Structure formats: structure tokens, C-alpha cells
Amino acid sequence: MGKNSIFYGQPIFSQMISLLNKSKITLRALPHKSDHYCKRFSTFQHLITMLYGVTSGCNSLRELCCGIVSYGDKITHCKFDYAPKRSTISDAKKRRDCIVFETIYSDLVTEYLPSLSDSHKKE
């Protein structure tokens, strides 16, 4: 069995984000109009910001923003266009409907379910 070295040397968060297809997420956001009147903070940026918060265990928007800023020059390596401010994230959370993220999640599960490991033994 060969060793998969496609993710060699990348942080876990970067590996996880590399599985997301920005064009598919943008297409899924169109029917929900979640990017309507958005200048910079798109649905894709919102998604990776929230994923960063969950994987880092952030409890507040201040922690979330400071954590993203701490990446420094490596921020583009994790597909962040820029470090969003607290007010931008807060406004986006109020304005965007959670249904768009539900459809993105269901697409990801459909796409990656065959390759996910199953810890349950089939008897």
C-alpha cells in the first residue's frame, strides 16, 4: 500500500480547505443570493472563516479575527483573501441564511462520502 504524500508539509487546516472547490461553492450561493451586495466577504470566505473558528476552538469573534491575523503572510496559503474584521463577520452572520451552508455541506458529503473512513465494523 503506497503512502499518500499529497498533503506533505501542509497544516491540517490548509489540507481541509484544499478539499473545497471555490467555484462550486460560488455556484451554490447564487440561487440563495448570499453574495448579493457583497464586496469582499463572499460565501466562500465566510465558510473558511467559520471552519477556521471551529477547528481552532475559537469562542468569540475577537479570538477568530486575532487567529486569522496571526497567520501573517501565510494567510493566502489558507485561501483567505484578507483578514476580515469582527463587524464584517457579525454582519455576514446576520445577513446570510444558514440554508446556503446546508446545501454546501450536503454537496461535500455527497462528493466525499465514498472516501470517508468508517470506524464502525460491519457484522
N, C-alpha and C. Protein backbone atom coordinates (compact mmCIF):
# COMPACT_ATOMS: atom_id res chain seq x y z
N MET A 1 0.84 -1.16 0.00
CA MET A 1 0.00 0.00 0.00
C MET A 1 0.89 1.24 0.00
N GLY A 2 0.70 2.12 -0.96
CA GLY A 2 1.53 3.31 -1.08
C GLY A 2 1.09 4.40 -0.12
N LYS A 3 2.06 5.19 0.27
CA LYS A 3 1.78 6.29 1.18
C LYS A 3 1.36 7.51 0.38
N ASN A 4 0.26 8.14 0.75
CA ASN A 4 -0.23 9.32 0.07
C ASN A 4 0.50 10.53 0.62
N SER A 5 1.27 11.21 -0.22
CA SER A 5 2.05 12.36 0.24
C SER A 5 1.55 13.66 -0.39
N ILE A 6 0.32 13.70 -0.80
CA ILE A 6 -0.21 14.90 -1.44
C ILE A 6 -0.29 16.08 -0.46
N PHE A 7 -0.45 15.81 0.83
CA PHE A 7 -0.59 16.87 1.82
C PHE A 7 0.69 17.08 2.64
N TYR A 8 1.80 16.58 2.18
CA TYR A 8 3.04 16.64 2.94
C TYR A 8 3.44 18.09 3.24
N GLY A 9 3.65 18.40 4.50
CA GLY A 9 4.14 19.70 4.91
C GLY A 9 3.10 20.79 5.05
N GLN A 10 1.83 20.48 4.87
CA GLN A 10 0.78 21.49 4.99
C GLN A 10 0.07 21.34 6.32
N PRO A 11 -0.36 22.45 6.93
CA PRO A 11 -1.14 22.35 8.16
C PRO A 11 -2.48 21.65 7.90
N ILE A 12 -3.06 21.09 8.94
CA ILE A 12 -4.33 20.38 8.81
C ILE A 12 -5.41 21.28 8.23
N PHE A 13 -5.46 22.54 8.68
CA PHE A 13 -6.49 23.45 8.18
C PHE A 13 -6.32 23.67 6.68
N SER A 14 -5.11 23.82 6.23
CA SER A 14 -4.86 24.02 4.80
C SER A 14 -5.25 22.78 4.00
N GLN A 15 -5.01 21.60 4.55
CA GLN A 15 -5.41 20.37 3.88
C GLN A 15 -6.93 20.30 3.74
N MET A 16 -7.63 20.68 4.79
CA MET A 16 -9.08 20.63 4.78
C MET A 16 -9.64 21.64 3.77
N ILE A 17 -9.09 22.83 3.73
CA ILE A 17 -9.56 23.87 2.83
C ILE A 17 -9.26 23.50 1.37
N SER A 18 -8.18 22.78 1.15
CA SER A 18 -7.85 22.40 -0.23
C SER A 18 -8.88 21.44 -0.83
N LEU A 19 -9.69 20.82 0.00
CA LEU A 19 -10.75 19.94 -0.50
C LEU A 19 -11.97 20.71 -0.98
N LEU A 20 -12.05 21.99 -0.65
CA LEU A 20 -13.19 22.81 -1.05
C LEU A 20 -12.95 23.42 -2.43
N ASN A 21 -13.95 23.35 -3.27
CA ASN A 21 -13.87 23.92 -4.61
C ASN A 21 -14.61 25.26 -4.59
N LYS A 22 -13.85 26.34 -4.79
CA LYS A 22 -14.42 27.69 -4.68
C LYS A 22 -15.50 27.93 -5.73
N SER A 23 -15.31 27.43 -6.93
CA SER A 23 -16.30 27.67 -8.00
C SER A 23 -17.62 26.94 -7.71
N LYS A 24 -17.54 25.73 -7.15
CA LYS A 24 -18.77 25.01 -6.79
C LYS A 24 -19.52 25.72 -5.67
N ILE A 25 -18.79 26.25 -4.72
CA ILE A 25 -19.42 26.96 -3.60
C ILE A 25 -20.06 28.25 -4.09
N THR A 26 -19.38 28.94 -5.00
CA THR A 26 -19.95 30.16 -5.57
C THR A 26 -21.22 29.86 -6.36
N LEU A 27 -21.22 28.75 -7.10
CA LEU A 27 -22.42 28.36 -7.84
C LEU A 27 -23.58 28.02 -6.91
N ARG A 28 -23.27 27.39 -5.78
CA ARG A 28 -24.30 27.04 -4.81
C ARG A 28 -24.86 28.28 -4.11
N ALA A 29 -24.07 29.33 -4.03
CA ALA A 29 -24.50 30.56 -3.37
C ALA A 29 -25.41 31.40 -4.26
N LEU A 30 -25.35 31.20 -5.57
CA LEU A 30 -26.15 32.02 -6.49
C LEU A 30 -27.65 31.92 -6.27
N PRO A 31 -28.25 30.73 -6.20
CA PRO A 31 -29.71 30.67 -6.01
C PRO A 31 -30.18 31.27 -4.68
N HIS A 32 -29.32 31.24 -3.67
CA HIS A 32 -29.68 31.77 -2.35
C HIS A 32 -29.41 33.27 -2.24
N LYS A 33 -28.72 33.82 -3.24
CA LYS A 33 -28.34 35.24 -3.27
C LYS A 33 -27.58 35.66 -2.01
N SER A 34 -26.73 34.77 -1.53
CA SER A 34 -25.98 35.08 -0.32
C SER A 34 -24.80 36.00 -0.58
N ASP A 35 -24.40 36.16 -1.84
CA ASP A 35 -23.32 37.09 -2.17
C ASP A 35 -23.85 38.40 -2.75
N HIS A 36 -25.17 38.59 -2.66
CA HIS A 36 -25.78 39.81 -3.17
C HIS A 36 -25.35 40.99 -2.31
N TYR A 37 -24.86 42.02 -2.92
CA TYR A 37 -24.36 43.22 -2.25
C TYR A 37 -23.12 42.95 -1.40
N CYS A 38 -22.35 41.96 -1.76
CA CYS A 38 -21.09 41.69 -1.05
C CYS A 38 -19.92 42.23 -1.85
N LYS A 39 -19.05 42.94 -1.18
CA LYS A 39 -17.87 43.46 -1.88
C LYS A 39 -16.71 42.50 -1.76
N ARG A 40 -16.37 42.10 -0.55
CA ARG A 40 -15.19 41.25 -0.36
C ARG A 40 -15.50 39.95 0.38
N PHE A 41 -16.36 39.99 1.35
CA PHE A 41 -16.57 38.83 2.21
C PHE A 41 -17.62 37.90 1.59
N SER A 42 -17.17 37.06 0.68
CA SER A 42 -18.06 36.16 -0.06
C SER A 42 -18.49 34.99 0.81
N THR A 43 -19.37 34.18 0.27
CA THR A 43 -19.82 32.98 0.98
C THR A 43 -18.65 32.03 1.21
N PHE A 44 -17.76 31.93 0.23
CA PHE A 44 -16.58 31.07 0.38
C PHE A 44 -15.69 31.57 1.51
N GLN A 45 -15.43 32.89 1.56
CA GLN A 45 -14.62 33.45 2.64
C GLN A 45 -15.29 33.25 4.00
N HIS A 46 -16.61 33.38 4.04
CA HIS A 46 -17.37 33.17 5.27
C HIS A 46 -17.23 31.71 5.72
N LEU A 47 -17.33 30.79 4.76
CA LEU A 47 -17.22 29.37 5.08
C LEU A 47 -15.86 29.03 5.66
N ILE A 48 -14.78 29.48 5.03
CA ILE A 48 -13.47 29.12 5.56
C ILE A 48 -13.17 29.85 6.87
N THR A 49 -13.75 31.03 7.06
CA THR A 49 -13.59 31.72 8.34
C THR A 49 -14.26 30.93 9.46
N MET A 50 -15.47 30.45 9.20
CA MET A 50 -16.18 29.67 10.21
C MET A 50 -15.49 28.31 10.45
N LEU A 51 -14.97 27.70 9.39
CA LEU A 51 -14.23 26.44 9.55
C LEU A 51 -12.98 26.65 10.39
N TYR A 52 -12.30 27.78 10.17
CA TYR A 52 -11.14 28.09 10.99
C TYR A 52 -11.53 28.23 12.45
N GLY A 53 -12.64 28.92 12.70
CA GLY A 53 -13.10 29.11 14.07
C GLY A 53 -13.43 27.79 14.76
N VAL A 54 -14.05 26.89 14.03
CA VAL A 54 -14.42 25.59 14.62
C VAL A 54 -13.18 24.74 14.88
N THR A 55 -12.28 24.66 13.90
CA THR A 55 -11.09 23.81 14.07
C THR A 55 -10.12 24.39 15.10
N SER A 56 -10.13 25.71 15.28
CA SER A 56 -9.23 26.34 16.25
C SER A 56 -9.83 26.42 17.64
N GLY A 57 -11.12 26.16 17.75
CA GLY A 57 -11.78 26.22 19.05
C GLY A 57 -12.00 27.64 19.53
N CYS A 58 -12.25 28.55 18.62
CA CYS A 58 -12.48 29.95 18.99
C CYS A 58 -13.85 30.10 19.67
N ASN A 59 -13.89 30.89 20.73
CA ASN A 59 -15.12 31.12 21.47
C ASN A 59 -15.73 32.48 21.22
N SER A 60 -15.01 33.35 20.53
CA SER A 60 -15.52 34.70 20.28
C SER A 60 -15.02 35.18 18.92
N LEU A 61 -15.66 36.25 18.43
CA LEU A 61 -15.22 36.83 17.17
C LEU A 61 -13.84 37.46 17.31
N ARG A 62 -13.53 37.96 18.49
CA ARG A 62 -12.20 38.54 18.72
C ARG A 62 -11.11 37.47 18.57
N GLU A 63 -11.34 36.30 19.17
CA GLU A 63 -10.38 35.20 19.02
C GLU A 63 -10.25 34.78 17.57
N LEU A 64 -11.37 34.72 16.88
CA LEU A 64 -11.39 34.32 15.48
C LEU A 64 -10.57 35.28 14.62
N CYS A 65 -10.81 36.56 14.78
CA CYS A 65 -10.08 37.56 13.99
C CYS A 65 -8.60 37.59 14.32
N CYS A 66 -8.27 37.51 15.60
CA CYS A 66 -6.86 37.52 16.01
C CYS A 66 -6.14 36.27 15.51
N GLY A 67 -6.84 35.14 15.50
CA GLY A 67 -6.24 33.91 15.00
C GLY A 67 -5.93 33.98 13.51
N ILE A 68 -6.83 34.57 12.75
CA ILE A 68 -6.60 34.71 11.31
C ILE A 68 -5.47 35.70 11.04
N VAL A 69 -5.43 36.79 11.81
CA VAL A 69 -4.36 37.78 11.65
C VAL A 69 -3.01 37.17 11.99
N SER A 70 -2.99 36.23 12.94
CA SER A 70 -1.73 35.62 13.35
C SER A 70 -1.08 34.79 12.24
N TYR A 71 -1.84 34.43 11.22
CA TYR A 71 -1.24 33.73 10.09
C TYR A 71 -0.23 34.59 9.35
N GLY A 72 -0.40 35.90 9.40
CA GLY A 72 0.54 36.80 8.75
C GLY A 72 0.56 36.64 7.24
N ASP A 73 1.75 36.43 6.69
CA ASP A 73 1.91 36.29 5.24
C ASP A 73 1.35 34.98 4.71
N LYS A 74 1.14 34.02 5.59
CA LYS A 74 0.64 32.71 5.16
C LYS A 74 -0.88 32.68 5.00
N ILE A 75 -1.51 33.83 5.12
CA ILE A 75 -2.97 33.90 5.05
C ILE A 75 -3.47 33.46 3.68
N THR A 76 -2.74 33.76 2.62
CA THR A 76 -3.16 33.35 1.27
C THR A 76 -2.97 31.85 1.07
N HIS A 77 -2.06 31.25 1.82
CA HIS A 77 -1.84 29.80 1.73
C HIS A 77 -3.10 29.04 2.16
N CYS A 78 -3.89 29.63 3.04
CA CYS A 78 -5.12 29.01 3.52
C CYS A 78 -6.35 29.57 2.81
N LYS A 79 -6.16 30.17 1.65
CA LYS A 79 -7.22 30.68 0.78
C LYS A 79 -8.00 31.86 1.35
N PHE A 80 -7.44 32.53 2.33
CA PHE A 80 -8.05 33.78 2.81
C PHE A 80 -7.61 34.89 1.88
N ASP A 81 -8.55 35.69 1.40
CA ASP A 81 -8.19 36.85 0.58
C ASP A 81 -7.66 37.97 1.47
N TYR A 82 -8.20 38.07 2.65
CA TYR A 82 -7.81 39.09 3.62
C TYR A 82 -8.31 38.65 4.98
N ALA A 83 -7.87 39.34 6.02
CA ALA A 83 -8.33 39.05 7.37
C ALA A 83 -9.57 39.88 7.66
N PRO A 84 -10.74 39.26 7.77
CA PRO A 84 -11.97 40.04 7.99
C PRO A 84 -12.02 40.61 9.41
N LYS A 85 -12.69 41.72 9.53
CA LYS A 85 -12.89 42.37 10.83
C LYS A 85 -14.09 41.74 11.55
N ARG A 86 -14.19 42.00 12.86
CA ARG A 86 -15.29 41.45 13.64
C ARG A 86 -16.64 41.91 13.13
N SER A 87 -16.75 43.17 12.79
CA SER A 87 -18.04 43.70 12.33
C SER A 87 -18.45 43.08 11.00
N THR A 88 -17.49 42.79 10.13
CA THR A 88 -17.79 42.16 8.85
C THR A 88 -18.34 40.76 9.06
N ILE A 89 -17.72 40.01 9.94
CA ILE A 89 -18.18 38.64 10.22
C ILE A 89 -19.55 38.68 10.88
N SER A 90 -19.73 39.59 11.82
CA SER A 90 -21.00 39.70 12.52
C SER A 90 -22.14 40.07 11.57
N ASP A 91 -21.89 41.02 10.69
CA ASP A 91 -22.91 41.41 9.72
C ASP A 91 -23.23 40.28 8.75
N ALA A 92 -22.21 39.54 8.33
CA ALA A 92 -22.43 38.43 7.42
C ALA A 92 -23.24 37.31 8.09
N LYS A 93 -22.98 37.07 9.37
CA LYS A 93 -23.73 36.04 10.09
C LYS A 93 -25.19 36.42 10.23
N LYS A 94 -25.48 37.71 10.36
CA LYS A 94 -26.87 38.16 10.45
C LYS A 94 -27.56 38.09 9.10
N ARG A 95 -26.84 38.45 8.05
CA ARG A 95 -27.44 38.61 6.73
C ARG A 95 -27.57 37.30 5.96
N ARG A 96 -26.58 36.42 6.05
CA ARG A 96 -26.61 35.18 5.27
C ARG A 96 -27.48 34.14 5.93
N ASP A 97 -28.26 33.49 5.12
CA ASP A 97 -29.13 32.43 5.61
C ASP A 97 -28.30 31.14 5.76
N CYS A 98 -28.60 30.37 6.76
CA CYS A 98 -27.84 29.14 7.00
C CYS A 98 -28.13 28.06 5.96
N ILE A 99 -29.18 28.23 5.18
CA ILE A 99 -29.54 27.22 4.18
C ILE A 99 -28.46 27.08 3.11
N VAL A 100 -27.78 28.18 2.78
CA VAL A 100 -26.71 28.10 1.79
C VAL A 100 -25.59 27.19 2.29
N PHE A 101 -25.27 27.25 3.56
CA PHE A 101 -24.22 26.40 4.12
C PHE A 101 -24.70 24.95 4.23
N GLU A 102 -25.99 24.77 4.43
CA GLU A 102 -26.56 23.43 4.44
C GLU A 102 -26.42 22.76 3.08
N THR A 103 -26.69 23.49 2.02
CA THR A 103 -26.55 22.92 0.67
C THR A 103 -25.10 22.64 0.33
N ILE A 104 -24.20 23.51 0.76
CA ILE A 104 -22.77 23.28 0.54
C ILE A 104 -22.33 22.03 1.28
N TYR A 105 -22.77 21.87 2.52
CA TYR A 105 -22.44 20.69 3.31
C TYR A 105 -22.95 19.42 2.66
N SER A 106 -24.19 19.44 2.18
CA SER A 106 -24.74 18.23 1.56
C SER A 106 -23.99 17.89 0.28
N ASP A 107 -23.55 18.90 -0.47
CA ASP A 107 -22.73 18.63 -1.65
C ASP A 107 -21.39 18.00 -1.28
N LEU A 108 -20.77 18.51 -0.22
CA LEU A 108 -19.49 17.95 0.21
C LEU A 108 -19.63 16.52 0.70
N VAL A 109 -20.69 16.24 1.44
CA VAL A 109 -20.92 14.88 1.93
C VAL A 109 -21.15 13.93 0.75
N THR A 110 -21.93 14.37 -0.23
CA THR A 110 -22.18 13.55 -1.40
C THR A 110 -20.90 13.27 -2.17
N GLU A 111 -20.05 14.27 -2.28
CA GLU A 111 -18.81 14.13 -3.04
C GLU A 111 -17.78 13.26 -2.32
N TYR A 112 -17.62 13.45 -1.01
CA TYR A 112 -16.54 12.79 -0.28
C TYR A 112 -16.97 11.60 0.56
N LEU A 113 -18.24 11.26 0.59
CA LEU A 113 -18.70 10.14 1.41
C LEU A 113 -18.03 8.82 1.06
N PRO A 114 -17.83 8.50 -0.23
CA PRO A 114 -17.17 7.23 -0.53
C PRO A 114 -15.74 7.13 0.00
N SER A 115 -15.05 8.26 0.15
CA SER A 115 -13.66 8.20 0.60
C SER A 115 -13.50 8.45 2.10
N LEU A 116 -14.59 8.72 2.82
CA LEU A 116 -14.52 8.91 4.27
C LEU A 116 -14.34 7.57 4.96
N SER A 117 -13.56 7.56 6.02
CA SER A 117 -13.34 6.31 6.75
C SER A 117 -14.54 6.05 7.65
N ASP A 118 -14.83 4.79 7.82
CA ASP A 118 -15.93 4.39 8.68
C ASP A 118 -15.35 3.59 9.83
N SER A 119 -15.55 4.07 11.05
CA SER A 119 -14.97 3.39 12.20
C SER A 119 -15.84 2.26 12.72
N HIS A 120 -17.06 2.16 12.22
CA HIS A 120 -17.95 1.11 12.67
C HIS A 120 -17.68 -0.17 11.90
N LYS A 121 -17.60 -1.26 12.62
CA LYS A 121 -17.39 -2.54 11.96
C LYS A 121 -18.74 -3.10 11.52
N LYS A 122 -18.77 -3.59 10.32
CA LYS A 122 -19.99 -4.19 9.80
C LYS A 122 -19.99 -5.67 10.18
N GLU A 123 -21.07 -6.11 10.78
CA GLU A 123 -21.14 -7.50 11.23
C GLU A 123 -22.14 -8.27 10.42
